[in-house]
Amino acid sequence: MMTMKQTQKMRSFFRNRVTKALGMTLALMMASQSALASLAADQTRYIFRGDKDALTITVTNNDKERTFGGQAWVDNIVEKDTRPTFVVTPSFFKVKPQGQQTLRIIMASDHLPKDKESVYWLNLQ
């Protein structure tokens, strides 16, 4: 028969192993999702300077065999403001295997505040 101390050590041992296994599984799942992304933008953040009318980005198809269609648009983080500030052209596109597509983000209106930065999401799917 095991003592209370031995039982606690055994539970602690298995709890730690299960926690580590779950952590590794989650980490591998997240890493595999980004590794499977066939369409990728050339940067993770873009700065739209106030003196420019447009910004150019490059989307790359990392797949060696398949052609992929893509869609891009810009969302405003402030949900109250529904006015379109930026337009992405082309908004729908096709990228051949290991090919690239250039997208332009064009300022559609001039209602951005001049005294502070604004944050928007570039969506790519």
C-alpha atoms as a PDB file:
ATOM      1  CA  MET A   1       0.000   0.000   0.000  1.00  0.00           C
ATOM      2  CA  MET A   2       1.272   3.481  -0.918  1.00  0.00           C
ATOM      3  CA  THR A   3       1.640   6.249   1.574  1.00  0.00           C
ATOM      4  CA  MET A   4      -0.075   9.609   1.175  1.00  0.00           C
ATOM      5  CA  LYS A   5       3.230  11.252   0.243  1.00  0.00           C
ATOM      6  CA  GLN A   6       3.918   8.669  -2.481  1.00  0.00           C
ATOM      7  CA  THR A   7       0.411   9.134  -3.874  1.00  0.00           C
ATOM      8  CA  GLN A   8       0.866  12.910  -4.021  1.00  0.00           C
ATOM      9  CA  LYS A   9       4.241  12.537  -5.772  1.00  0.00           C
ATOM     10  CA  MET A  10       2.722  10.179  -8.317  1.00  0.00           C
ATOM     11  CA  ARG A  11      -0.203  12.526  -9.025  1.00  0.00           C
ATOM     12  CA  SER A  12       2.164  15.476  -9.344  1.00  0.00           C
ATOM     13  CA  PHE A  13       4.382  13.510 -11.742  1.00  0.00           C
ATOM     14  CA  PHE A  14       1.489  12.550 -14.027  1.00  0.00           C
ATOM     15  CA  ARG A  15      -0.117  15.998 -13.809  1.00  0.00           C
ATOM     16  CA  ASN A  16       3.147  17.641 -14.927  1.00  0.00           C
ATOM     17  CA  ARG A  17       3.574  15.184 -17.795  1.00  0.00           C
ATOM     18  CA  VAL A  18       0.001  15.678 -18.998  1.00  0.00           C
ATOM     19  CA  THR A  19       0.351  19.466 -18.773  1.00  0.00           C
ATOM     20  CA  LYS A  20       3.598  19.385 -20.762  1.00  0.00           C
ATOM     21  CA  ALA A  21       2.095  17.047 -23.358  1.00  0.00           C
ATOM     22  CA  LEU A  22      -0.941  19.308 -23.801  1.00  0.00           C
ATOM     23  CA  GLY A  23       1.279  22.371 -24.056  1.00  0.00           C
ATOM     24  CA  MET A  24       3.462  20.742 -26.711  1.00  0.00           C
ATOM     25  CA  THR A  25       0.403  19.575 -28.642  1.00  0.00           C
ATOM     26  CA  LEU A  26      -1.073  23.081 -28.679  1.00  0.00           C
ATOM     27  CA  ALA A  27       2.258  24.615 -29.715  1.00  0.00           C
ATOM     28  CA  LEU A  28       2.649  22.141 -32.570  1.00  0.00           C
ATOM     29  CA  MET A  29      -0.923  22.718 -33.732  1.00  0.00           C
ATOM     30  CA  MET A  30      -0.404  26.485 -33.843  1.00  0.00           C
ATOM     31  CA  ALA A  31       2.936  26.141 -35.633  1.00  0.00           C
ATOM     32  CA  SER A  32       1.475  23.777 -38.214  1.00  0.00           C
ATOM     33  CA  GLN A  33      -1.353  26.204 -38.996  1.00  0.00           C
ATOM     34  CA  SER A  34       1.046  28.982 -39.953  1.00  0.00           C
ATOM     35  CA  ALA A  35       3.252  26.542 -41.844  1.00  0.00           C
ATOM     36  CA  LEU A  36       0.255  25.462 -43.918  1.00  0.00           C
ATOM     37  CA  ALA A  37      -0.640  29.017 -44.917  1.00  0.00           C
ATOM     38  CA  SER A  38      -0.133  29.147 -48.666  1.00  0.00           C
ATOM     39  CA  LEU A  39      -0.795  32.854 -49.151  1.00  0.00           C
ATOM     40  CA  ALA A  40       1.465  35.132 -47.134  1.00  0.00           C
ATOM     41  CA  ALA A  41       1.910  38.906 -47.037  1.00  0.00           C
ATOM     42  CA  ASP A  42       5.443  40.286 -47.257  1.00  0.00           C
ATOM     43  CA  GLN A  43       5.150  42.032 -43.860  1.00  0.00           C
ATOM     44  CA  THR A  44       3.072  41.796 -40.702  1.00  0.00           C
ATOM     45  CA  ARG A  45       2.622  45.551 -40.230  1.00  0.00           C
ATOM     46  CA  TYR A  46       2.273  48.399 -42.676  1.00  0.00           C
ATOM     47  CA  ILE A  47       2.577  52.105 -41.991  1.00  0.00           C
ATOM     48  CA  PHE A  48       0.491  54.353 -44.197  1.00  0.00           C
ATOM     49  CA  ARG A  49       2.220  57.722 -44.210  1.00  0.00           C
ATOM     50  CA  GLY A  50      -0.041  60.762 -44.339  1.00  0.00           C
ATOM     51  CA  ASP A  51       1.714  62.275 -47.349  1.00  0.00           C
ATOM     52  CA  LYS A  52       1.061  59.197 -49.549  1.00  0.00           C
ATOM     53  CA  ASP A  53      -2.140  58.239 -51.368  1.00  0.00           C
ATOM     54  CA  ALA A  54      -1.422  54.494 -51.652  1.00  0.00           C
ATOM     55  CA  LEU A  55       0.655  51.655 -50.245  1.00  0.00           C
ATOM     56  CA  THR A  56       1.908  48.625 -52.188  1.00  0.00           C
ATOM     57  CA  ILE A  57       2.161  45.147 -50.645  1.00  0.00           C
ATOM     58  CA  THR A  58       3.139  41.763 -52.051  1.00  0.00           C
ATOM     59  CA  VAL A  59       1.285  38.495 -51.458  1.00  0.00           C
ATOM     60  CA  THR A  60       3.191  35.263 -52.155  1.00  0.00           C
ATOM     61  CA  ASN A  61       1.842  31.765 -52.831  1.00  0.00           C
ATOM     62  CA  ASN A  62       4.226  29.381 -51.042  1.00  0.00           C
ATOM     63  CA  ASP A  63       2.610  26.237 -52.460  1.00  0.00           C
ATOM     64  CA  LYS A  64       4.664  24.458 -55.132  1.00  0.00           C
ATOM     65  CA  GLU A  65       1.741  22.867 -56.984  1.00  0.00           C
ATOM     66  CA  ARG A  66      -1.566  24.650 -56.419  1.00  0.00           C
ATOM     67  CA  THR A  67      -2.945  27.976 -57.592  1.00  0.00           C
ATOM     68  CA  PHE A  68      -4.868  29.879 -54.921  1.00  0.00           C
ATOM     69  CA  GLY A  69      -7.484  32.578 -55.069  1.00  0.00           C
ATOM     70  CA  GLY A  70      -7.338  35.336 -52.514  1.00  0.00           C
ATOM     71  CA  GLN A  71      -9.397  38.181 -51.142  1.00  0.00           C
ATOM     72  CA  ALA A  72      -8.157  41.276 -49.325  1.00  0.00           C
ATOM     73  CA  TRP A  73      -9.929  44.100 -47.500  1.00  0.00           C
ATOM     74  CA  VAL A  74      -9.334  46.613 -44.715  1.00  0.00           C
ATOM     75  CA  ASP A  75     -11.436  46.749 -41.525  1.00  0.00           C
ATOM     76  CA  ASN A  76     -11.721  49.634 -39.131  1.00  0.00           C
ATOM     77  CA  ILE A  77     -11.055  48.619 -35.524  1.00  0.00           C
ATOM     78  CA  VAL A  78     -13.425  51.322 -34.259  1.00  0.00           C
ATOM     79  CA  GLU A  79     -16.753  49.627 -34.992  1.00  0.00           C
ATOM     80  CA  LYS A  80     -18.787  52.830 -34.729  1.00  0.00           C
ATOM     81  CA  ASP A  81     -17.065  54.266 -37.789  1.00  0.00           C
ATOM     82  CA  THR A  82     -18.356  52.411 -40.862  1.00  0.00           C
ATOM     83  CA  ARG A  83     -17.033  54.805 -43.499  1.00  0.00           C
ATOM     84  CA  PRO A  84     -14.558  53.101 -45.833  1.00  0.00           C
ATOM     85  CA  THR A  85     -11.152  54.631 -45.271  1.00  0.00           C
ATOM     86  CA  PHE A  86      -9.047  52.307 -47.433  1.00  0.00           C
ATOM     87  CA  VAL A  87      -9.733  50.215 -50.525  1.00  0.00           C
ATOM     88  CA  VAL A  88      -7.604  47.243 -51.591  1.00  0.00           C
ATOM     89  CA  THR A  89      -7.167  46.654 -55.304  1.00  0.00           C
ATOM     90  CA  PRO A  90      -7.506  44.072 -56.652  1.00  0.00           C
ATOM     91  CA  SER A  91      -9.789  42.847 -53.897  1.00  0.00           C
ATOM     92  CA  PHE A  92     -10.041  39.384 -55.501  1.00  0.00           C
ATOM     93  CA  PHE A  93      -7.002  37.792 -57.116  1.00  0.00           C
ATOM     94  CA  LYS A  94      -5.376  34.526 -58.162  1.00  0.00           C
ATOM     95  CA  VAL A  95      -1.752  33.563 -57.435  1.00  0.00           C
ATOM     96  CA  LYS A  96      -0.021  30.766 -59.341  1.00  0.00           C
ATOM     97  CA  PRO A  97       2.236  28.246 -57.542  1.00  0.00           C
ATOM     98  CA  GLN A  98       5.222  30.060 -55.999  1.00  0.00           C
ATOM     99  CA  GLY A  99       3.973  33.259 -57.637  1.00  0.00           C
ATOM    100  CA  GLN A 100       3.331  36.739 -56.318  1.00  0.00           C
ATOM    101  CA  GLN A 101       0.532  39.302 -56.526  1.00  0.00           C
ATOM    102  CA  THR A 102       0.963  43.000 -55.876  1.00  0.00           C
ATOM    103  CA  LEU A 103      -1.883  44.719 -54.018  1.00  0.00           C
ATOM    104  CA  ARG A 104      -2.411  48.437 -53.582  1.00  0.00           C
ATOM    105  CA  ILE A 105      -4.074  49.901 -50.527  1.00  0.00           C
ATOM    106  CA  ILE A 106      -5.589  53.225 -51.538  1.00  0.00           C
ATOM    107  CA  MET A 107      -6.912  55.895 -49.191  1.00  0.00           C
ATOM    108  CA  ALA A 108     -10.611  56.275 -50.044  1.00  0.00           C
ATOM    109  CA  SER A 109     -11.481  59.178 -47.752  1.00  0.00           C
ATOM    110  CA  ASP A 110      -9.731  61.847 -45.748  1.00  0.00           C
ATOM    111  CA  HIS A 111     -11.431  61.568 -42.358  1.00  0.00           C
ATOM    112  CA  LEU A 112      -8.404  60.265 -40.436  1.00  0.00           C
ATOM    113  CA  PRO A 113      -7.362  62.313 -37.405  1.00  0.00           C
ATOM    114  CA  LYS A 114      -4.246  64.391 -38.079  1.00  0.00           C
ATOM    115  CA  ASP A 115      -3.049  64.506 -34.456  1.00  0.00           C
ATOM    116  CA  LYS A 116      -2.836  60.762 -33.688  1.00  0.00           C
ATOM    117  CA  GLU A 117      -2.288  57.334 -35.209  1.00  0.00           C
ATOM    118  CA  SER A 118      -5.150  55.091 -36.304  1.00  0.00           C
ATOM    119  CA  VAL A 119      -5.115  51.288 -36.460  1.00  0.00           C
ATOM    120  CA  TYR A 120      -6.806  49.199 -39.159  1.00  0.00           C
ATOM    121  CA  TRP A 121      -6.796  45.474 -39.954  1.00  0.00           C
ATOM    122  CA  LEU A 122      -5.629  44.232 -43.351  1.00  0.00           C
ATOM    123  CA  ASN A 123      -7.508  40.977 -43.940  1.00  0.00           C
ATOM    124  CA  LEU A 124      -6.092  38.418 -46.351  1.00  0.00           C
ATOM    125  CA  GLN A 125      -7.757  35.114 -47.081  1.00  0.00           C
END
